[in-house]
């Protein structure tokens, strides 16, 4: 059992006005950073932009809201990293359709890598990614791949270094 502390508040400054038709701010993801602060990511609809905001333990913004990508961003997920920064992944446009993309940020929300495509060996849609950090600092991102096994949907994964390097190829 828990109890509420304080009042709910709006954390985003970039707003898409929703009218009950699926527009507005959607698909939030939250991760607690090693500093005790937390980061929230979300997408806007219909623009499909991705944003993030770091907040302190009292829910106050730490720095300005920041963008995740300059392009299409659907269902962004965030993972706190052992070095104090965080990794964000999302469904974005790639060379053939939609794929899982990623980017690393420092503890203040500044990008430390450019965005990069993670699922590089399949055509079709990739979506619903989920990430975790391994003991050696690498990231594993798993996602659902449309037509990944040539027949239907498959589950795929890839290992990523903390600098955005891709280790090997995707695996099922």
Protein backbone atom coordinates (compact mmCIF):
# COMPACT_ATOMS: atom_id res chain seq x y z
CA UNK A 1 0.00 0.00 0.00
CA UNK A 2 1.19 3.40 -0.87
CA UNK A 3 -0.04 6.91 -0.43
CA UNK A 4 0.03 9.79 -2.83
CA UNK A 5 2.57 12.53 -2.20
CA UNK A 6 1.75 15.96 -3.57
CA UNK A 7 -0.49 16.67 -6.51
CA UNK A 8 -0.33 15.43 -10.07
CA UNK A 9 1.20 17.90 -12.48
CA UNK A 10 1.81 18.35 -16.17
CA UNK A 11 5.48 17.65 -16.91
CA UNK A 12 5.62 18.47 -20.60
CA UNK A 13 5.96 21.98 -22.00
CA UNK A 14 5.48 21.02 -25.66
CA UNK A 15 1.81 20.27 -25.95
CA UNK A 16 -0.40 18.78 -28.60
CA UNK A 17 -4.01 19.50 -27.75
CA UNK A 18 -5.98 16.31 -27.47
CA UNK A 19 -9.65 16.11 -28.32
CA UNK A 20 -10.35 12.58 -27.16
CA UNK A 21 -9.45 11.16 -30.56
CA UNK A 22 -5.97 9.83 -29.73
CA UNK A 23 -4.16 13.12 -30.17
CA UNK A 24 -1.96 14.68 -27.53
CA UNK A 25 0.86 13.15 -25.49
CA UNK A 26 1.00 9.35 -25.55
CA UNK A 27 2.98 6.29 -24.46
CA UNK A 28 5.02 7.58 -21.50
CA UNK A 29 7.96 5.61 -20.15
CA UNK A 30 9.78 6.27 -16.85
CA UNK A 31 13.20 5.29 -15.48
CA UNK A 32 14.88 6.21 -12.17
CA UNK A 33 18.44 7.48 -12.67
CA UNK A 34 21.33 6.68 -10.33
CA UNK A 35 21.15 10.27 -8.99
CA UNK A 36 17.63 9.63 -7.68
CA UNK A 37 16.14 11.85 -10.38
CA UNK A 38 13.89 10.23 -12.96
CA UNK A 39 13.38 10.67 -16.68
CA UNK A 40 10.06 10.49 -18.50
CA UNK A 41 9.80 10.03 -22.27
CA UNK A 42 6.69 10.27 -24.48
CA UNK A 43 5.48 10.82 -28.02
CA UNK A 44 3.08 13.38 -29.43
CA UNK A 45 0.29 12.56 -31.84
CA UNK A 46 -0.37 13.34 -34.65
CA UNK A 47 3.13 14.85 -35.09
CA UNK A 48 4.88 11.66 -33.84
CA UNK A 49 7.66 13.65 -32.18
CA UNK A 50 9.49 12.26 -29.14
CA UNK A 51 10.30 14.24 -25.99
CA UNK A 52 11.82 13.72 -22.56
CA UNK A 53 12.02 15.51 -19.24
CA UNK A 54 14.20 14.85 -16.19
CA UNK A 55 12.56 15.49 -12.83
CA UNK A 56 13.88 15.50 -9.28
CA UNK A 57 12.48 13.40 -6.45
CA UNK A 58 9.89 16.08 -5.70
CA UNK A 59 8.68 16.09 -9.32
CA UNK A 60 10.28 19.39 -10.26
CA UNK A 61 11.88 19.70 -13.74
CA UNK A 62 15.67 19.44 -13.87
CA UNK A 63 16.64 21.38 -16.97
CA UNK A 64 14.49 21.90 -20.04
CA UNK A 65 12.38 19.40 -21.92
CA UNK A 66 14.43 17.79 -24.71
CA UNK A 67 13.75 16.07 -28.01
CA UNK A 68 14.59 12.40 -28.54
CA UNK A 69 14.89 12.50 -32.32
CA UNK A 70 14.38 14.80 -35.27
CA UNK A 71 12.08 12.29 -36.95
CA UNK A 72 9.18 9.93 -36.42
CA UNK A 73 9.05 8.56 -32.87
CA UNK A 74 6.50 5.98 -31.72
CA UNK A 75 6.34 4.30 -28.31
CA UNK A 76 9.64 5.52 -26.84
CA UNK A 77 11.06 3.42 -24.01
CA UNK A 78 13.74 4.56 -21.58
CA UNK A 79 16.34 2.56 -19.64
CA UNK A 80 18.46 4.03 -16.82
CA UNK A 81 22.14 3.10 -17.14
CA UNK A 82 24.71 2.31 -14.48
CA UNK A 83 26.84 5.35 -15.48
CA UNK A 84 23.98 7.75 -14.58
CA UNK A 85 22.83 8.34 -18.15
CA UNK A 86 20.03 6.64 -20.03
CA UNK A 87 19.21 4.87 -23.28
CA UNK A 88 16.06 5.64 -25.27
CA UNK A 89 14.65 3.40 -27.99
CA UNK A 90 11.62 3.90 -30.22
CA UNK A 91 9.93 2.77 -33.40
CA UNK A 92 11.14 5.06 -36.14
CA UNK A 93 11.38 5.19 -39.91
CA UNK A 94 14.23 3.22 -41.45
CA UNK A 95 15.29 2.37 -44.99
CA UNK A 96 12.39 0.03 -45.76
CA UNK A 97 9.58 0.65 -43.30
CA UNK A 98 9.63 1.12 -39.53
CA UNK A 99 12.39 -0.13 -37.26
CA UNK A 100 13.75 0.10 -33.75
CA UNK A 101 16.05 3.09 -33.27
CA UNK A 102 18.07 4.16 -30.26
CA UNK A 103 20.11 6.96 -28.74
CA UNK A 104 22.18 7.44 -25.57
CA UNK A 105 21.83 10.49 -23.31
CA UNK A 106 23.85 11.76 -20.36
CA UNK A 107 22.35 12.33 -16.90
CA UNK A 108 21.21 15.85 -17.85
CA UNK A 109 19.38 14.87 -21.04
CA UNK A 110 22.08 15.80 -23.54
CA UNK A 111 22.51 13.28 -26.37
CA UNK A 112 25.90 11.55 -26.33
CA UNK A 113 25.30 9.59 -29.54
CA UNK A 114 23.36 10.25 -32.66
CA UNK A 115 20.28 8.15 -33.26
CA UNK A 116 20.95 4.79 -34.88
CA UNK A 117 18.96 1.93 -36.43
CA UNK A 118 19.13 -1.25 -34.35
CA UNK A 119 17.25 -3.78 -36.51
CA UNK A 120 19.29 -3.72 -39.70
CA UNK A 121 18.86 -7.16 -41.24
CA UNK A 122 15.13 -7.43 -41.95
CA UNK A 123 12.53 -5.67 -43.98
CA UNK A 124 9.15 -5.01 -42.44
CA UNK A 125 8.00 -3.44 -39.23
CA UNK A 126 9.82 -3.66 -35.91
CA UNK A 127 8.06 -2.47 -32.78
CA UNK A 128 7.33 -2.88 -29.05
CA UNK A 129 10.98 -2.88 -27.98
CA UNK A 130 12.13 -3.62 -24.44
CA UNK A 131 15.66 -3.06 -23.11
CA UNK A 132 17.88 -4.06 -20.20
CA UNK A 133 21.51 -3.45 -19.26
CA UNK A 134 23.92 -6.36 -18.82
CA UNK A 135 26.60 -6.57 -16.13
CA UNK A 136 29.30 -5.63 -18.69
CA UNK A 137 27.48 -2.36 -19.53
CA UNK A 138 26.07 -3.53 -22.87
CA UNK A 139 22.35 -3.19 -23.63
CA UNK A 140 20.06 -5.91 -24.96
CA UNK A 141 17.07 -4.67 -26.90
CA UNK A 142 14.35 -7.15 -27.89
CA UNK A 143 11.47 -6.33 -30.23
CA UNK A 144 8.69 -7.83 -32.31
CA UNK A 145 9.68 -8.08 -35.98
CA UNK A 146 7.05 -8.25 -38.71
CA UNK A 147 7.99 -10.98 -41.18
CA UNK A 148 11.30 -11.43 -39.39
CA UNK A 149 11.35 -15.18 -39.87
CA UNK A 150 9.91 -14.99 -43.40
CA UNK A 151 6.50 -16.24 -42.32
CA UNK A 152 4.98 -14.13 -39.58
CA UNK A 153 5.99 -12.12 -36.54
CA UNK A 154 9.11 -13.13 -34.66
CA UNK A 155 10.92 -11.95 -31.55
CA UNK A 156 14.35 -10.48 -32.34
CA UNK A 157 17.09 -9.02 -30.15
CA UNK A 158 20.41 -7.21 -30.53
CA UNK A 159 23.27 -6.31 -28.22
CA UNK A 160 24.40 -2.66 -28.18
CA UNK A 161 27.55 -1.23 -26.60
CA UNK A 162 27.30 1.83 -24.30
CA UNK A 163 28.68 3.97 -27.14
CA UNK A 164 26.01 2.88 -29.63
CA UNK A 165 27.99 0.15 -31.36
CA UNK A 166 26.03 -2.86 -32.59
CA UNK A 167 27.44 -6.24 -31.55
CA UNK A 168 27.02 -8.97 -34.14
CA UNK A 169 23.69 -9.32 -35.84
CA UNK A 170 20.13 -9.64 -34.62
CA UNK A 171 19.14 -12.98 -33.18
CA UNK A 172 15.84 -14.77 -32.56
